Amino acid sequence: MICPFANFEEIFQTEDGAVYQCSRRNCYWLDFQGSTTAFKVRDFFAFKKRVDAIDLEMMLSNSARTFDFEIIMPFRTDSIFVLSVQDIIKLKAVLSGAKFMIELNSEIKACLQAKALLAI
């Protein structure tokens, strides 16, 4: 177990990975490729932006072996991700789904708060 006192809520999950929110430590946990990495909220979105910036077309079109994998070392973590093109596609799907669910949850809360204020 990552933290015995943590209160995890699943944000998004695919068969390739998942993102969880820990309300006790105010962070997100990425479960991908058999390892789990904790991110502060800001670092999670910076990591997603960095993954989204990977040029898959260049990786696929360049025949040099150096373009077969992308190595990413997220800020303020002990993790290193060595990703093939297929891994990047899977990771992008997990991160995009998680971001969508986080934004959807924020919008729902904002709508409910606005409705509660109107009811007063």
C-alpha atoms as a PDB file:
ATOM      1  CA  MET A   1       0.000   0.000   0.000  1.00  0.00           C
ATOM      2  CA  ILE A   2       1.226   3.443  -0.886  1.00  0.00           C
ATOM      3  CA  CYS A   3       0.074   5.305   2.222  1.00  0.00           C
ATOM      4  CA  PRO A   4      -1.816   3.447   4.968  1.00  0.00           C
ATOM      5  CA  PHE A   5      -3.886   6.494   5.912  1.00  0.00           C
ATOM      6  CA  ALA A   6      -4.589   7.718   2.404  1.00  0.00           C
ATOM      7  CA  ASN A   7      -8.095   8.188   1.094  1.00  0.00           C
ATOM      8  CA  PHE A   8      -7.929   7.284  -2.607  1.00  0.00           C
ATOM      9  CA  GLU A   9     -10.627   8.009  -5.122  1.00  0.00           C
ATOM     10  CA  GLU A  10     -10.381   6.647  -8.639  1.00  0.00           C
ATOM     11  CA  ILE A  11     -10.356   9.433 -11.193  1.00  0.00           C
ATOM     12  CA  PHE A  12      -9.984   7.420 -14.385  1.00  0.00           C
ATOM     13  CA  GLN A  13      -8.937   3.908 -15.309  1.00  0.00           C
ATOM     14  CA  THR A  14      -8.232   1.908 -18.451  1.00  0.00           C
ATOM     15  CA  GLU A  15      -6.789  -1.566 -18.788  1.00  0.00           C
ATOM     16  CA  ASP A  16      -3.373   0.085 -19.248  1.00  0.00           C
ATOM     17  CA  GLY A  17      -3.314   2.389 -16.230  1.00  0.00           C
ATOM     18  CA  ALA A  18      -5.195   4.519 -13.758  1.00  0.00           C
ATOM     19  CA  VAL A  19      -5.134   7.853 -11.977  1.00  0.00           C
ATOM     20  CA  TYR A  20      -6.240   8.192  -8.367  1.00  0.00           C
ATOM     21  CA  GLN A  21      -6.695  11.219  -6.153  1.00  0.00           C
ATOM     22  CA  CYS A  22      -5.471  11.214  -2.575  1.00  0.00           C
ATOM     23  CA  SER A  23      -7.414  13.741  -0.537  1.00  0.00           C
ATOM     24  CA  ARG A  24      -5.197  13.291   2.513  1.00  0.00           C
ATOM     25  CA  ARG A  25      -2.001  14.295   0.689  1.00  0.00           C
ATOM     26  CA  ASN A  26      -3.707  16.469  -1.968  1.00  0.00           C
ATOM     27  CA  CYS A  27      -2.025  14.717  -4.865  1.00  0.00           C
ATOM     28  CA  TYR A  28      -2.656  12.427  -7.819  1.00  0.00           C
ATOM     29  CA  TRP A  29      -1.257   8.924  -8.191  1.00  0.00           C
ATOM     30  CA  LEU A  30      -0.512   7.510 -11.626  1.00  0.00           C
ATOM     31  CA  ASP A  31      -0.515   3.734 -11.894  1.00  0.00           C
ATOM     32  CA  PHE A  32       1.178   2.836 -15.181  1.00  0.00           C
ATOM     33  CA  GLN A  33       3.518   0.076 -16.389  1.00  0.00           C
ATOM     34  CA  GLY A  34       3.380  -1.695 -13.050  1.00  0.00           C
ATOM     35  CA  SER A  35       4.610   1.260 -11.012  1.00  0.00           C
ATOM     36  CA  THR A  36       2.895   4.003  -9.087  1.00  0.00           C
ATOM     37  CA  THR A  37       4.000   7.626  -9.115  1.00  0.00           C
ATOM     38  CA  ALA A  38       2.721  10.443  -6.898  1.00  0.00           C
ATOM     39  CA  PHE A  39       2.317  13.923  -8.378  1.00  0.00           C
ATOM     40  CA  LYS A  40       1.432  17.216  -6.793  1.00  0.00           C
ATOM     41  CA  VAL A  41      -1.522  18.692  -8.654  1.00  0.00           C
ATOM     42  CA  ARG A  42       0.554  21.220 -10.595  1.00  0.00           C
ATOM     43  CA  ASP A  43       3.184  18.596 -11.461  1.00  0.00           C
ATOM     44  CA  PHE A  44       0.535  16.177 -12.722  1.00  0.00           C
ATOM     45  CA  PHE A  45      -0.721  18.700 -15.280  1.00  0.00           C
ATOM     46  CA  ALA A  46       2.858  19.638 -16.242  1.00  0.00           C
ATOM     47  CA  PHE A  47       3.605  15.930 -16.792  1.00  0.00           C
ATOM     48  CA  LYS A  48       0.508  15.569 -18.975  1.00  0.00           C
ATOM     49  CA  LYS A  49       1.554  18.604 -21.004  1.00  0.00           C
ATOM     50  CA  ARG A  50       5.013  17.122 -21.466  1.00  0.00           C
ATOM     51  CA  VAL A  51       3.619  13.768 -22.605  1.00  0.00           C
ATOM     52  CA  ASP A  52       1.227  15.505 -25.001  1.00  0.00           C
ATOM     53  CA  ALA A  53       4.178  17.388 -26.524  1.00  0.00           C
ATOM     54  CA  ILE A  54       5.903  14.183 -27.648  1.00  0.00           C
ATOM     55  CA  ASP A  55       5.998  14.071 -31.438  1.00  0.00           C
ATOM     56  CA  LEU A  56       4.735  10.591 -32.302  1.00  0.00           C
ATOM     57  CA  GLU A  57       4.894  11.238 -36.028  1.00  0.00           C
ATOM     58  CA  MET A  58       8.614  11.984 -35.795  1.00  0.00           C
ATOM     59  CA  MET A  59       9.207   8.876 -33.698  1.00  0.00           C
ATOM     60  CA  LEU A  60       7.414   6.726 -36.256  1.00  0.00           C
ATOM     61  CA  SER A  61       8.980   8.273 -39.340  1.00  0.00           C
ATOM     62  CA  ASN A  62      12.594   8.355 -38.132  1.00  0.00           C
ATOM     63  CA  SER A  63      14.405   5.025 -38.478  1.00  0.00           C
ATOM     64  CA  ALA A  64      17.228   5.868 -36.046  1.00  0.00           C
ATOM     65  CA  ARG A  65      17.192   3.741 -32.905  1.00  0.00           C
ATOM     66  CA  THR A  66      17.309   6.850 -30.718  1.00  0.00           C
ATOM     67  CA  PHE A  67      13.731   7.606 -31.789  1.00  0.00           C
ATOM     68  CA  ASP A  68      12.373   4.202 -30.706  1.00  0.00           C
ATOM     69  CA  PHE A  69      11.819   5.334 -27.096  1.00  0.00           C
ATOM     70  CA  GLU A  70      11.172   8.493 -25.141  1.00  0.00           C
ATOM     71  CA  ILE A  71      12.621   8.886 -21.646  1.00  0.00           C
ATOM     72  CA  ILE A  72      10.705  11.138 -19.268  1.00  0.00           C
ATOM     73  CA  MET A  73      11.745  11.996 -15.740  1.00  0.00           C
ATOM     74  CA  PRO A  74       8.818  13.815 -14.094  1.00  0.00           C
ATOM     75  CA  PHE A  75       9.629  16.780 -11.891  1.00  0.00           C
ATOM     76  CA  ARG A  76       9.756  16.068  -8.123  1.00  0.00           C
ATOM     77  CA  THR A  77       9.412  12.283  -8.464  1.00  0.00           C
ATOM     78  CA  ASP A  78      11.752   9.309  -8.290  1.00  0.00           C
ATOM     79  CA  SER A  79      10.224   7.764 -11.403  1.00  0.00           C
ATOM     80  CA  ILE A  80      11.651   7.380 -14.866  1.00  0.00           C
ATOM     81  CA  PHE A  81       9.377   6.472 -17.754  1.00  0.00           C
ATOM     82  CA  VAL A  82      10.945   4.711 -20.737  1.00  0.00           C
ATOM     83  CA  LEU A  83       8.154   4.766 -23.287  1.00  0.00           C
ATOM     84  CA  SER A  84       7.731   3.233 -26.714  1.00  0.00           C
ATOM     85  CA  VAL A  85       5.275   4.743 -29.184  1.00  0.00           C
ATOM     86  CA  GLN A  86       2.619   2.282 -28.034  1.00  0.00           C
ATOM     87  CA  ASP A  87       3.298   3.145 -24.373  1.00  0.00           C
ATOM     88  CA  ILE A  88       2.988   6.861 -25.138  1.00  0.00           C
ATOM     89  CA  ILE A  89      -0.380   6.332 -26.822  1.00  0.00           C
ATOM     90  CA  LYS A  90      -1.622   4.351 -23.805  1.00  0.00           C
ATOM     91  CA  LEU A  91      -0.284   6.924 -21.341  1.00  0.00           C
ATOM     92  CA  LYS A  92      -1.854   9.784 -23.293  1.00  0.00           C
ATOM     93  CA  ALA A  93      -5.218   7.999 -23.115  1.00  0.00           C
ATOM     94  CA  VAL A  94      -4.960   7.563 -19.342  1.00  0.00           C
ATOM     95  CA  LEU A  95      -3.843  11.153 -18.736  1.00  0.00           C
ATOM     96  CA  SER A  96      -6.431  12.659 -21.101  1.00  0.00           C
ATOM     97  CA  GLY A  97      -9.231  10.654 -19.511  1.00  0.00           C
ATOM     98  CA  ALA A  98      -8.105  11.712 -16.040  1.00  0.00           C
ATOM     99  CA  LYS A  99      -7.905  15.384 -17.023  1.00  0.00           C
ATOM    100  CA  PHE A 100     -11.377  15.228 -18.549  1.00  0.00           C
ATOM    101  CA  MET A 101     -12.830  13.667 -15.391  1.00  0.00           C
ATOM    102  CA  ILE A 102     -11.085  16.232 -13.161  1.00  0.00           C
ATOM    103  CA  GLU A 103     -12.479  19.096 -15.248  1.00  0.00           C
ATOM    104  CA  LEU A 104     -15.930  17.513 -15.379  1.00  0.00           C
ATOM    105  CA  ASN A 105     -15.954  17.142 -11.594  1.00  0.00           C
ATOM    106  CA  SER A 106     -14.991  20.804 -11.211  1.00  0.00           C
ATOM    107  CA  GLU A 107     -17.790  21.905 -13.547  1.00  0.00           C
ATOM    108  CA  ILE A 108     -20.360  19.779 -11.708  1.00  0.00           C
ATOM    109  CA  LYS A 109     -19.288  21.242  -8.352  1.00  0.00           C
ATOM    110  CA  ALA A 110     -19.491  24.775  -9.753  1.00  0.00           C
ATOM    111  CA  CYS A 111     -23.003  24.135 -11.116  1.00  0.00           C
ATOM    112  CA  LEU A 112     -24.171  22.644  -7.821  1.00  0.00           C
ATOM    113  CA  GLN A 113     -22.738  25.574  -5.856  1.00  0.00           C
ATOM    114  CA  ALA A 114     -24.418  28.063  -8.189  1.00  0.00           C
ATOM    115  CA  LYS A 115     -27.706  26.199  -7.834  1.00  0.00           C
ATOM    116  CA  ALA A 116     -27.353  26.167  -4.039  1.00  0.00           C
ATOM    117  CA  LEU A 117     -26.742  29.928  -4.018  1.00  0.00           C
ATOM    118  CA  LEU A 118     -29.829  30.525  -6.152  1.00  0.00           C
ATOM    119  CA  ALA A 119     -31.926  28.415  -3.786  1.00  0.00           C
ATOM    120  CA  ILE A 120     -30.985  30.580  -0.808  1.00  0.00           C
END
